[in-house]
Amino acid sequence: MSLQLESVVRQVGEVILGKERQIRLALACMLARGHLLIEDIPGVGKTTLAHALAITLGLQFQRIQFTSDLLPADILGVSVYDRDASTFRFHPGPIFAQLILADEINRATPKTQSALLEAMGEQQVTAEGETRALPEPFFVIATQNPSHQIGTFLLPESQLDRFLMRVELGYPDAQAERALLNGVDRRDLLPTLAPCMQPQDMVLLQREARKVHVSAALLDYLQALVDHSRSSPDYMNGLSPRASLALLNAARAWALMNDRSEVQPEDVQAILPSVVGHRLHPGRDHAPVAGSELGAELIAAVPIP
């Protein structure tokens, strides 16, 4: 099973150079049936990563470019009158795909951003008064530019909470950037990729991830982390029960990817900064730091039972 996932990591890593950890986190997020937010400056490969994952996993792919004039109907779909049938016929929007790239999601208005809420939370959409199921698996990768850039709208906390993980790609190291400069355009490699898996394989792996054993001692550790976030003055708000479940599901997925049948503390520690970084905010007396650093501080503050 891990060999199948390793082939995915290896192929995507040939396109996105020097970012193996981020690729593994994206896969773990999908195995945990979550959604991924990639926040970084333009030009570091956010869109290319999403496209490479879709091809490698054999998933139906749709890209939605979020702009200030994008409407909810542009995402969900719209009913058009069919003269021949004398009735309205629903035309599904791009949301009806297995992997959605919501590109530059924070350039759209909050009303349009909220059109994704039901889809991400319930794996269904309600349009024209009718509820329609989305395909399985269903995975949203959203890219976001830093909030200080012109023309961006901050994602509300309810929208941020729908993302199981948030990751940053960052600049490539010197070796990876030299390979980029000497090689072909990474986007030109996308048509050469072949699927390493089929959609039903991912569904089966998601079910296997839910079966990974979690001991009582591990749950004690996870609860200790959550309790510390709620009681410590270092954080403005503690982690919610939804965040606790996100930690558990992501740790199970990470253990599965490492071919373990039981979650270990190091699995929780590996995924925690990406799961809690967009959910924790520094307390009043805490120096401003990035969310991932808050996650690292939380790990350091809570000993393993």
C-alpha atoms as a PDB file:
ATOM      1  CA  MET A   1       0.000   0.000   0.000  1.00  0.00           C
ATOM      2  CA  SER A   2       2.767   2.447   0.906  1.00  0.00           C
ATOM      3  CA  LEU A   3       4.531   1.591  -2.377  1.00  0.00           C
ATOM      4  CA  GLN A   4       1.526   2.922  -4.293  1.00  0.00           C
ATOM      5  CA  LEU A   5       1.650   6.190  -2.372  1.00  0.00           C
ATOM      6  CA  GLU A   6       5.427   6.412  -2.726  1.00  0.00           C
ATOM      7  CA  SER A   7       5.043   6.252  -6.509  1.00  0.00           C
ATOM      8  CA  VAL A   8       2.685   9.235  -6.303  1.00  0.00           C
ATOM      9  CA  VAL A   9       5.152  11.209  -4.169  1.00  0.00           C
ATOM     10  CA  ARG A  10       8.016  10.339  -6.490  1.00  0.00           C
ATOM     11  CA  GLN A  11       6.216  11.388  -9.693  1.00  0.00           C
ATOM     12  CA  VAL A  12       4.853  14.660  -8.299  1.00  0.00           C
ATOM     13  CA  GLY A  13       8.319  15.349  -6.874  1.00  0.00           C
ATOM     14  CA  GLU A  14       9.730  15.252 -10.383  1.00  0.00           C
ATOM     15  CA  VAL A  15       7.578  18.277 -11.209  1.00  0.00           C
ATOM     16  CA  ILE A  16       7.656  20.150  -7.881  1.00  0.00           C
ATOM     17  CA  LEU A  17      11.334  19.983  -6.995  1.00  0.00           C
ATOM     18  CA  GLY A  18      12.592  19.974  -3.422  1.00  0.00           C
ATOM     19  CA  LYS A  19       9.140  19.943  -1.784  1.00  0.00           C
ATOM     20  CA  GLU A  20       8.690  16.308  -0.770  1.00  0.00           C
ATOM     21  CA  ARG A  21       7.325  17.147   2.679  1.00  0.00           C
ATOM     22  CA  GLN A  22       4.629  19.434   1.265  1.00  0.00           C
ATOM     23  CA  ILE A  23       3.660  16.744  -1.255  1.00  0.00           C
ATOM     24  CA  ARG A  24       3.356  14.170   1.525  1.00  0.00           C
ATOM     25  CA  LEU A  25       1.253  16.553   3.611  1.00  0.00           C
ATOM     26  CA  ALA A  26      -1.069  17.144   0.650  1.00  0.00           C
ATOM     27  CA  LEU A  27      -1.498  13.384   0.224  1.00  0.00           C
ATOM     28  CA  ALA A  28      -2.116  12.891   3.937  1.00  0.00           C
ATOM     29  CA  CYS A  29      -4.735  15.634   3.811  1.00  0.00           C
ATOM     30  CA  MET A  30      -6.554  13.809   1.033  1.00  0.00           C
ATOM     31  CA  LEU A  31      -6.320  10.430   2.779  1.00  0.00           C
ATOM     32  CA  ALA A  32      -7.922  12.085   5.815  1.00  0.00           C
ATOM     33  CA  ARG A  33     -10.814  13.276   3.583  1.00  0.00           C
ATOM     34  CA  GLY A  34      -9.845  16.894   4.171  1.00  0.00           C
ATOM     35  CA  HIS A  35      -9.157  19.971   2.061  1.00  0.00           C
ATOM     36  CA  LEU A  36      -5.879  21.801   1.588  1.00  0.00           C
ATOM     37  CA  LEU A  37      -5.018  25.503   1.636  1.00  0.00           C
ATOM     38  CA  ILE A  38      -1.702  26.526   0.096  1.00  0.00           C
ATOM     39  CA  GLU A  39      -0.691  30.045   1.105  1.00  0.00           C
ATOM     40  CA  ASP A  40       2.317  31.652  -0.512  1.00  0.00           C
ATOM     41  CA  ILE A  41       3.515  34.326  -2.895  1.00  0.00           C
ATOM     42  CA  PRO A  42       2.825  33.907  -6.637  1.00  0.00           C
ATOM     43  CA  GLY A  43       5.252  31.867  -8.686  1.00  0.00           C
ATOM     44  CA  VAL A  44       6.351  29.137  -6.267  1.00  0.00           C
ATOM     45  CA  GLY A  45       4.359  26.293  -7.861  1.00  0.00           C
ATOM     46  CA  LYS A  46       1.017  26.212  -6.015  1.00  0.00           C
ATOM     47  CA  THR A  47      -1.111  25.713  -9.127  1.00  0.00           C
ATOM     48  CA  THR A  48       1.344  23.273 -10.694  1.00  0.00           C
ATOM     49  CA  LEU A  49       1.314  21.128  -7.539  1.00  0.00           C
ATOM     50  CA  ALA A  50      -2.485  20.829  -7.625  1.00  0.00           C
ATOM     51  CA  HIS A  51      -2.481  19.927 -11.323  1.00  0.00           C
ATOM     52  CA  ALA A  52       0.294  17.360 -10.911  1.00  0.00           C
ATOM     53  CA  LEU A  53      -1.555  15.683  -8.026  1.00  0.00           C
ATOM     54  CA  ALA A  54      -4.769  15.480 -10.049  1.00  0.00           C
ATOM     55  CA  ILE A  55      -3.060  13.795 -12.988  1.00  0.00           C
ATOM     56  CA  THR A  56      -0.983  11.440 -10.845  1.00  0.00           C
ATOM     57  CA  LEU A  57      -4.007  10.352  -8.789  1.00  0.00           C
ATOM     58  CA  GLY A  58      -6.162   9.912 -11.895  1.00  0.00           C
ATOM     59  CA  LEU A  59      -8.767  12.414 -10.704  1.00  0.00           C
ATOM     60  CA  GLN A  60     -11.147  14.550 -12.718  1.00  0.00           C
ATOM     61  CA  PHE A  61      -9.753  18.073 -12.397  1.00  0.00           C
ATOM     62  CA  GLN A  62     -11.314  21.521 -12.575  1.00  0.00           C
ATOM     63  CA  ARG A  63      -9.635  24.850 -11.996  1.00  0.00           C
ATOM     64  CA  ILE A  64     -11.709  27.800 -10.786  1.00  0.00           C
ATOM     65  CA  GLN A  65      -9.941  31.131 -11.058  1.00  0.00           C
ATOM     66  CA  PHE A  66     -11.301  33.286  -8.241  1.00  0.00           C
ATOM     67  CA  THR A  67     -11.706  36.943  -9.188  1.00  0.00           C
ATOM     68  CA  SER A  68     -13.599  39.867  -7.692  1.00  0.00           C
ATOM     69  CA  ASP A  69     -16.463  39.479 -10.183  1.00  0.00           C
ATOM     70  CA  LEU A  70     -16.895  35.705  -9.766  1.00  0.00           C
ATOM     71  CA  LEU A  71     -20.435  34.731  -8.704  1.00  0.00           C
ATOM     72  CA  PRO A  72     -21.620  31.678  -6.703  1.00  0.00           C
ATOM     73  CA  ALA A  73     -23.495  30.422  -9.776  1.00  0.00           C
ATOM     74  CA  ASP A  74     -20.189  30.381 -11.677  1.00  0.00           C
ATOM     75  CA  ILE A  75     -19.053  27.720  -9.201  1.00  0.00           C
ATOM     76  CA  LEU A  76     -22.197  25.729  -8.471  1.00  0.00           C
ATOM     77  CA  GLY A  77     -23.989  25.880 -11.821  1.00  0.00           C
ATOM     78  CA  VAL A  78     -27.200  27.374 -13.155  1.00  0.00           C
ATOM     79  CA  SER A  79     -30.540  26.277 -14.629  1.00  0.00           C
ATOM     80  CA  VAL A  80     -31.181  27.240 -18.254  1.00  0.00           C
ATOM     81  CA  TYR A  81     -34.562  27.022 -19.955  1.00  0.00           C
ATOM     82  CA  ASP A  82     -34.750  24.238 -22.552  1.00  0.00           C
ATOM     83  CA  ARG A  83     -37.290  25.237 -25.188  1.00  0.00           C
ATOM     84  CA  ASP A  84     -37.534  21.765 -26.702  1.00  0.00           C
ATOM     85  CA  ALA A  85     -38.361  20.141 -23.358  1.00  0.00           C
ATOM     86  CA  SER A  86     -40.260  23.202 -22.057  1.00  0.00           C
ATOM     87  CA  THR A  87     -38.438  22.985 -18.743  1.00  0.00           C
ATOM     88  CA  PHE A  88     -35.404  24.302 -16.930  1.00  0.00           C
ATOM     89  CA  ARG A  89     -32.311  22.113 -17.160  1.00  0.00           C
ATOM     90  CA  PHE A  90     -29.516  22.350 -14.593  1.00  0.00           C
ATOM     91  CA  HIS A  91     -26.021  22.829 -15.979  1.00  0.00           C
ATOM     92  CA  PRO A  92     -23.489  21.745 -13.325  1.00  0.00           C
ATOM     93  CA  GLY A  93     -20.689  24.146 -12.511  1.00  0.00           C
ATOM     94  CA  PRO A  94     -16.997  23.265 -12.150  1.00  0.00           C
ATOM     95  CA  ILE A  95     -17.525  22.231  -8.509  1.00  0.00           C
ATOM     96  CA  PHE A  96     -18.753  18.848  -9.792  1.00  0.00           C
ATOM     97  CA  ALA A  97     -15.276  17.349 -10.158  1.00  0.00           C
ATOM     98  CA  GLN A  98     -13.086  15.139  -7.981  1.00  0.00           C
ATOM     99  CA  LEU A  99     -10.271  17.625  -7.456  1.00  0.00           C
ATOM    100  CA  ILE A 100     -11.020  21.338  -7.465  1.00  0.00           C
ATOM    101  CA  LEU A 101      -8.310  23.963  -7.648  1.00  0.00           C
ATOM    102  CA  ALA A 102      -9.732  27.150  -6.147  1.00  0.00           C
ATOM    103  CA  ASP A 103      -6.990  29.405  -7.439  1.00  0.00           C
ATOM    104  CA  GLU A 104      -6.343  32.652  -5.529  1.00  0.00           C
ATOM    105  CA  ILE A 105      -9.432  32.076  -3.406  1.00  0.00           C
ATOM    106  CA  ASN A 106      -8.965  35.275  -1.432  1.00  0.00           C
ATOM    107  CA  ARG A 107      -9.338  37.453  -4.530  1.00  0.00           C
ATOM    108  CA  ALA A 108     -13.093  36.700  -4.612  1.00  0.00           C
ATOM    109  CA  THR A 109     -15.700  38.379  -2.422  1.00  0.00           C
ATOM    110  CA  PRO A 110     -16.823  36.680   0.817  1.00  0.00           C
ATOM    111  CA  LYS A 111     -20.194  35.842  -0.785  1.00  0.00           C
ATOM    112  CA  THR A 112     -18.470  33.828  -3.498  1.00  0.00           C
ATOM    113  CA  GLN A 113     -16.032  32.247  -1.058  1.00  0.00           C
ATOM    114  CA  SER A 114     -18.988  31.001   0.995  1.00  0.00           C
ATOM    115  CA  ALA A 115     -20.300  29.087  -2.028  1.00  0.00           C
ATOM    116  CA  LEU A 116     -17.629  26.500  -1.226  1.00  0.00           C
ATOM    117  CA  LEU A 117     -18.685  26.052   2.415  1.00  0.00           C
ATOM    118  CA  GLU A 118     -21.422  23.463   1.907  1.00  0.00           C
ATOM    119  CA  ALA A 119     -19.413  21.606  -0.734  1.00  0.00           C
ATOM    120  CA  MET A 120     -16.367  21.304   1.523  1.00  0.00           C
ATOM    121  CA  GLY A 121     -18.295  20.485   4.670  1.00  0.00           C
ATOM    122  CA  GLU A 122     -21.049  18.213   3.376  1.00  0.00           C
ATOM    123  CA  GLN A 123     -19.735  16.985  -0.015  1.00  0.00           C
ATOM    124  CA  GLN A 124     -22.917  18.263  -1.603  1.00  0.00           C
ATOM    125  CA  VAL A 125     -24.282  21.521  -3.004  1.00  0.00           C
ATOM    126  CA  THR A 126     -27.738  23.059  -2.992  1.00  0.00           C
ATOM    127  CA  ALA A 127     -28.561  24.930  -6.177  1.00  0.00           C
ATOM    128  CA  GLU A 128     -31.926  25.943  -7.576  1.00  0.00           C
ATOM    129  CA  GLY A 129     -33.607  24.497  -4.482  1.00  0.00           C
ATOM    130  CA  GLU A 130     -32.218  20.996  -5.033  1.00  0.00           C
ATOM    131  CA  THR A 131     -29.403  19.210  -3.201  1.00  0.00           C
ATOM    132  CA  ARG A 132     -26.908  17.420  -5.421  1.00  0.00           C
ATOM    133  CA  ALA A 133     -24.141  15.071  -4.296  1.00  0.00           C
ATOM    134  CA  LEU A 134     -20.552  15.684  -5.343  1.00  0.00           C
ATOM    135  CA  PRO A 135     -18.304  12.942  -6.741  1.00  0.00           C
ATOM    136  CA  GLU A 136     -16.160  10.693  -4.592  1.00  0.00           C
ATOM    137  CA  PRO A 137     -13.404  11.332  -3.762  1.00  0.00           C
ATOM    138  CA  PHE A 138     -13.875  15.085  -3.503  1.00  0.00           C
ATOM    139  CA  PHE A 139     -10.913  17.272  -2.662  1.00  0.00           C
ATOM    140  CA  VAL A 140     -10.441  21.045  -2.729  1.00  0.00           C
ATOM    141  CA  ILE A 141      -7.008  22.602  -3.037  1.00  0.00           C
ATOM    142  CA  ALA A 142      -7.218  26.352  -2.595  1.00  0.00           C
ATOM    143  CA  THR A 143      -4.339  28.718  -3.183  1.00  0.00           C
ATOM    144  CA  GLN A 144      -4.122  32.008  -1.357  1.00  0.00           C
ATOM    145  CA  ASN A 145      -1.906  35.023  -1.787  1.00  0.00           C
ATOM    146  CA  PRO A 146      -0.573  36.810   1.309  1.00  0.00           C
ATOM    147  CA  SER A 147      -3.228  39.122   2.752  1.00  0.00           C
ATOM    148  CA  HIS A 148      -1.045  42.228   2.354  1.00  0.00           C
ATOM    149  CA  GLN A 149      -1.233  41.967  -1.435  1.00  0.00           C
ATOM    150  CA  ILE A 150      -3.555  44.337  -3.306  1.00  0.00           C
ATOM    151  CA  GLY A 151      -7.025  43.049  -4.196  1.00  0.00           C
ATOM    152  CA  THR A 152      -7.326  40.307  -1.592  1.00  0.00           C
ATOM    153  CA  PHE A 153     -10.149  39.559   0.877  1.00  0.00           C
ATOM    154  CA  LEU A 154      -9.355  37.841   4.153  1.00  0.00           C
ATOM    155  CA  LEU A 155     -10.878  34.382   4.443  1.00  0.00           C
ATOM    156  CA  PRO A 156     -13.348  34.290   7.347  1.00  0.00           C
ATOM    157  CA  GLU A 157     -12.546  31.873  10.167  1.00  0.00           C
ATOM    158  CA  SER A 158     -15.507  29.655   9.224  1.00  0.00           C
ATOM    159  CA  GLN A 159     -13.991  29.220   5.767  1.00  0.00           C
ATOM    160  CA  LEU A 160     -10.469  28.655   7.094  1.00  0.00           C
ATOM    161  CA  ASP A 161     -11.776  25.976   9.443  1.00  0.00           C
ATOM    162  CA  ARG A 162     -13.056  23.972   6.470  1.00  0.00           C
ATOM    163  CA  PHE A 163      -9.455  23.354   5.435  1.00  0.00           C
ATOM    164  CA  LEU A 164      -7.920  20.438   7.286  1.00  0.00           C
ATOM    165  CA  MET A 165      -4.395  21.671   6.531  1.00  0.00           C
ATOM    166  CA  ARG A 166      -2.581  24.784   5.450  1.00  0.00           C
ATOM    167  CA  VAL A 167       0.907  24.549   3.972  1.00  0.00           C
ATOM    168  CA  GLU A 168       3.451  26.895   2.453  1.00  0.00           C
ATOM    169  CA  LEU A 169       5.748  25.932  -0.402  1.00  0.00           C
ATOM    170  CA  GLY A 170       8.375  28.600   0.116  1.00  0.00           C
ATOM    171  CA  TYR A 171      11.384  29.290  -2.058  1.00  0.00           C
ATOM    172  CA  PRO A 172      13.294  26.303  -3.473  1.00  0.00           C
ATOM    173  CA  ASP A 173      16.735  25.538  -2.116  1.00  0.00           C
ATOM    174  CA  ALA A 174      19.781  26.293  -4.268  1.00  0.00           C
ATOM    175  CA  GLN A 175      20.016  22.766  -5.723  1.00  0.00           C
ATOM    176  CA  ALA A 176      16.337  22.613  -6.667  1.00  0.00           C
ATOM    177  CA  GLU A 177      16.399  26.086  -8.194  1.00  0.00           C
ATOM    178  CA  ARG A 178      19.466  25.223 -10.284  1.00  0.00           C
ATOM    179  CA  ALA A 179      17.592  22.169 -11.581  1.00  0.00           C
ATOM    180  CA  LEU A 180      14.651  24.443 -12.422  1.00  0.00           C
ATOM    181  CA  LEU A 181      16.915  26.844 -14.306  1.00  0.00           C
ATOM    182  CA  ASN A 182      18.663  24.057 -16.232  1.00  0.00           C
ATOM    183  CA  GLY A 183      15.518  22.014 -16.959  1.00  0.00           C
ATOM    184  CA  VAL A 184      12.299  22.454 -18.891  1.00  0.00           C
ATOM    185  CA  ASP A 185       9.342  24.492 -17.725  1.00  0.00           C
ATOM    186  CA  ARG A 186       7.601  22.503 -15.001  1.00  0.00           C
ATOM    187  CA  ARG A 187       4.222  23.042 -16.652  1.00  0.00           C
ATOM    188  CA  ASP A 188       5.521  21.410 -19.827  1.00  0.00           C
ATOM    189  CA  LEU A 189       6.039  18.214 -17.815  1.00  0.00           C
ATOM    190  CA  LEU A 190       2.357  17.911 -16.856  1.00  0.00           C
ATOM    191  CA  PRO A 191       1.209  16.346 -20.192  1.00  0.00           C
ATOM    192  CA  THR A 192       3.917  13.682 -19.807  1.00  0.00           C
ATOM    193  CA  LEU A 193       2.601  12.435 -16.450  1.00  0.00           C
ATOM    194  CA  ALA A 194       0.623   9.203 -16.224  1.00  0.00           C
ATOM    195  CA  PRO A 195      -1.850   8.232 -13.475  1.00  0.00           C
ATOM    196  CA  CYS A 196      -0.284   6.127 -10.725  1.00  0.00           C
ATOM    197  CA  MET A 197      -3.668   5.429  -9.132  1.00  0.00           C
ATOM    198  CA  GLN A 198      -7.356   5.385  -9.960  1.00  0.00           C
ATOM    199  CA  PRO A 199     -10.094   7.283  -8.077  1.00  0.00           C
ATOM    200  CA  GLN A 200     -11.408   4.082  -6.491  1.00  0.00           C
ATOM    201  CA  ASP A 201      -7.912   3.383  -5.128  1.00  0.00           C
ATOM    202  CA  MET A 202      -7.981   6.669  -3.243  1.00  0.00           C
ATOM    203  CA  VAL A 203     -11.430   5.895  -1.835  1.00  0.00           C
ATOM    204  CA  LEU A 204     -10.155   2.538  -0.556  1.00  0.00           C
ATOM    205  CA  LEU A 205      -7.082   4.176   0.985  1.00  0.00           C
ATOM    206  CA  GLN A 206      -9.271   6.752   2.711  1.00  0.00           C
ATOM    207  CA  ARG A 207     -11.242   3.910   4.278  1.00  0.00           C
ATOM    208  CA  GLU A 208      -8.040   2.161   5.324  1.00  0.00           C
ATOM    209  CA  ALA A 209      -6.818   5.349   6.976  1.00  0.00           C
ATOM    210  CA  ARG A 210      -9.924   5.418   9.178  1.00  0.00           C
ATOM    211  CA  LYS A 211      -9.068   1.888  10.375  1.00  0.00           C
ATOM    212  CA  VAL A 212      -5.572   2.740  11.660  1.00  0.00           C
ATOM    213  CA  HIS A 213      -5.558   1.911  15.372  1.00  0.00           C
ATOM    214  CA  VAL A 214      -5.349   4.680  17.960  1.00  0.00           C
ATOM    215  CA  SER A 215      -4.419   3.687  21.522  1.00  0.00           C
ATOM    216  CA  ALA A 216      -5.809   5.275  24.678  1.00  0.00           C
ATOM    217  CA  ALA A 217      -2.345   6.658  25.463  1.00  0.00           C
ATOM    218  CA  LEU A 218      -2.227   8.377  22.079  1.00  0.00           C
ATOM    219  CA  LEU A 219      -5.625   9.930  22.681  1.00  0.00           C
ATOM    220  CA  ASP A 220      -4.325  11.150  26.051  1.00  0.00           C
ATOM    221  CA  TYR A 221      -1.474  12.895  24.242  1.00  0.00           C
ATOM    222  CA  LEU A 222      -3.770  14.417  21.637  1.00  0.00           C
ATOM    223  CA  GLN A 223      -6.158  15.682  24.317  1.00  0.00           C
ATOM    224  CA  ALA A 224      -3.251  17.127  26.306  1.00  0.00           C
ATOM    225  CA  LEU A 225      -2.202  19.141  23.240  1.00  0.00           C
ATOM    226  CA  VAL A 226      -5.727  20.429  22.727  1.00  0.00           C
ATOM    227  CA  ASP A 227      -6.227  21.226  26.429  1.00  0.00           C
ATOM    228  CA  HIS A 228      -2.960  23.184  26.548  1.00  0.00           C
ATOM    229  CA  SER A 229      -4.061  25.303  23.578  1.00  0.00           C
ATOM    230  CA  ARG A 230      -7.273  26.147  25.465  1.00  0.00           C
ATOM    231  CA  SER A 231      -5.684  26.981  28.809  1.00  0.00           C
ATOM    232  CA  SER A 232      -2.435  28.668  27.808  1.00  0.00           C
ATOM    233  CA  PRO A 233      -2.322  32.488  27.519  1.00  0.00           C
ATOM    234  CA  ASP A 234      -0.059  32.031  24.491  1.00  0.00           C
ATOM    235  CA  TYR A 235      -3.137  31.449  22.337  1.00  0.00           C
ATOM    236  CA  MET A 236      -6.107  33.728  21.792  1.00  0.00           C
ATOM    237  CA  ASN A 237      -8.499  30.819  21.278  1.00  0.00           C
ATOM    238  CA  GLY A 238      -7.987  27.111  21.871  1.00  0.00           C
ATOM    239  CA  LEU A 239      -8.486  24.313  19.377  1.00  0.00           C
ATOM    240  CA  SER A 240     -12.084  23.289  18.732  1.00  0.00           C
ATOM    241  CA  PRO A 241     -13.462  19.724  18.760  1.00  0.00           C
ATOM    242  CA  ARG A 242     -13.373  19.845  14.947  1.00  0.00           C
ATOM    243  CA  ALA A 243      -9.657  20.607  15.159  1.00  0.00           C
ATOM    244  CA  SER A 244      -9.211  17.620  17.504  1.00  0.00           C
ATOM    245  CA  LEU A 245     -10.844  15.341  14.927  1.00  0.00           C
ATOM    246  CA  ALA A 246      -8.719  16.889  12.186  1.00  0.00           C
ATOM    247  CA  LEU A 247      -5.564  16.099  14.158  1.00  0.00           C
ATOM    248  CA  LEU A 248      -6.680  12.521  14.711  1.00  0.00           C
ATOM    249  CA  ASN A 249      -7.655  11.880  11.087  1.00  0.00           C
ATOM    250  CA  ALA A 250      -4.498  13.484   9.712  1.00  0.00           C
ATOM    251  CA  ALA A 251      -2.301  11.482  12.116  1.00  0.00           C
ATOM    252  CA  ARG A 252      -4.001   8.275  10.999  1.00  0.00           C
ATOM    253  CA  ALA A 253      -3.336   9.181   7.368  1.00  0.00           C
ATOM    254  CA  TRP A 254       0.331   9.962   8.120  1.00  0.00           C
ATOM    255  CA  ALA A 255       0.723   6.620   9.882  1.00  0.00           C
ATOM    256  CA  LEU A 256      -0.808   4.830   6.892  1.00  0.00           C
ATOM    257  CA  MET A 257       1.570   6.591   4.527  1.00  0.00           C
ATOM    258  CA  ASN A 258       4.448   5.334   6.662  1.00  0.00           C
ATOM    259  CA  ASP A 259       3.041   1.797   6.591  1.00  0.00           C
ATOM    260  CA  ARG A 260       2.133   1.736  10.289  1.00  0.00           C
ATOM    261  CA  SER A 261      -1.003   0.068  11.617  1.00  0.00           C
ATOM    262  CA  GLU A 262      -1.061   2.210  14.775  1.00  0.00           C
ATOM    263  CA  VAL A 263      -0.698   5.957  15.261  1.00  0.00           C
ATOM    264  CA  GLN A 264       2.489   7.018  17.056  1.00  0.00           C
ATOM    265  CA  PRO A 265       3.179  10.378  18.780  1.00  0.00           C
ATOM    266  CA  GLU A 266       5.560  11.293  15.969  1.00  0.00           C
ATOM    267  CA  ASP A 267       2.641  11.028  13.515  1.00  0.00           C
ATOM    268  CA  VAL A 268       0.730  13.645  15.501  1.00  0.00           C
ATOM    269  CA  GLN A 269       3.799  15.871  15.715  1.00  0.00           C
ATOM    270  CA  ALA A 270       4.459  15.580  11.975  1.00  0.00           C
ATOM    271  CA  ILE A 271       1.076  16.925  10.935  1.00  0.00           C
ATOM    272  CA  LEU A 272       0.200  19.213  13.858  1.00  0.00           C
ATOM    273  CA  PRO A 273       1.769  22.499  12.586  1.00  0.00           C
ATOM    274  CA  SER A 274      -0.102  22.195   9.269  1.00  0.00           C
ATOM    275  CA  VAL A 275      -3.400  21.309  10.960  1.00  0.00           C
ATOM    276  CA  VAL A 276      -3.405  23.969  13.693  1.00  0.00           C
ATOM    277  CA  GLY A 277      -1.372  26.773  12.088  1.00  0.00           C
ATOM    278  CA  HIS A 278      -4.443  28.471  10.580  1.00  0.00           C
ATOM    279  CA  ARG A 279      -6.602  27.783  13.643  1.00  0.00           C
ATOM    280  CA  LEU A 280      -4.386  29.203  16.403  1.00  0.00           C
ATOM    281  CA  HIS A 281      -3.736  32.896  16.992  1.00  0.00           C
ATOM    282  CA  PRO A 282      -1.131  34.301  19.384  1.00  0.00           C
ATOM    283  CA  GLY A 283      -2.354  35.629  22.714  1.00  0.00           C
ATOM    284  CA  ARG A 284      -2.206  39.268  23.710  1.00  0.00           C
ATOM    285  CA  ASP A 285       1.184  38.942  25.415  1.00  0.00           C
ATOM    286  CA  HIS A 286       2.673  36.622  22.794  1.00  0.00           C
ATOM    287  CA  ALA A 287       5.019  38.003  20.171  1.00  0.00           C
ATOM    288  CA  PRO A 288       3.580  37.819  16.627  1.00  0.00           C
ATOM    289  CA  VAL A 289       4.672  34.583  14.954  1.00  0.00           C
ATOM    290  CA  ALA A 290       3.573  32.426  12.045  1.00  0.00           C
ATOM    291  CA  GLY A 291       0.909  29.806  12.665  1.00  0.00           C
ATOM    292  CA  SER A 292       3.322  26.955  11.984  1.00  0.00           C
ATOM    293  CA  GLU A 293       5.608  28.308  14.717  1.00  0.00           C
ATOM    294  CA  LEU A 294       2.685  28.337  17.154  1.00  0.00           C
ATOM    295  CA  GLY A 295       2.181  24.660  16.338  1.00  0.00           C
ATOM    296  CA  ALA A 296       5.848  23.929  17.007  1.00  0.00           C
ATOM    297  CA  GLU A 297       5.593  25.738  20.339  1.00  0.00           C
ATOM    298  CA  LEU A 298       2.567  23.650  21.255  1.00  0.00           C
ATOM    299  CA  ILE A 299       4.482  20.436  20.560  1.00  0.00           C
ATOM    300  CA  ALA A 300       7.407  21.620  22.679  1.00  0.00           C
ATOM    301  CA  ALA A 301       5.140  22.629  25.582  1.00  0.00           C
ATOM    302  CA  VAL A 302       3.317  19.297  25.956  1.00  0.00           C
ATOM    303  CA  PRO A 303       5.364  16.219  26.877  1.00  0.00           C
ATOM    304  CA  ILE A 304       4.494  12.798  25.488  1.00  0.00           C
ATOM    305  CA  PRO A 305       2.742  10.764  28.258  1.00  0.00           C
END
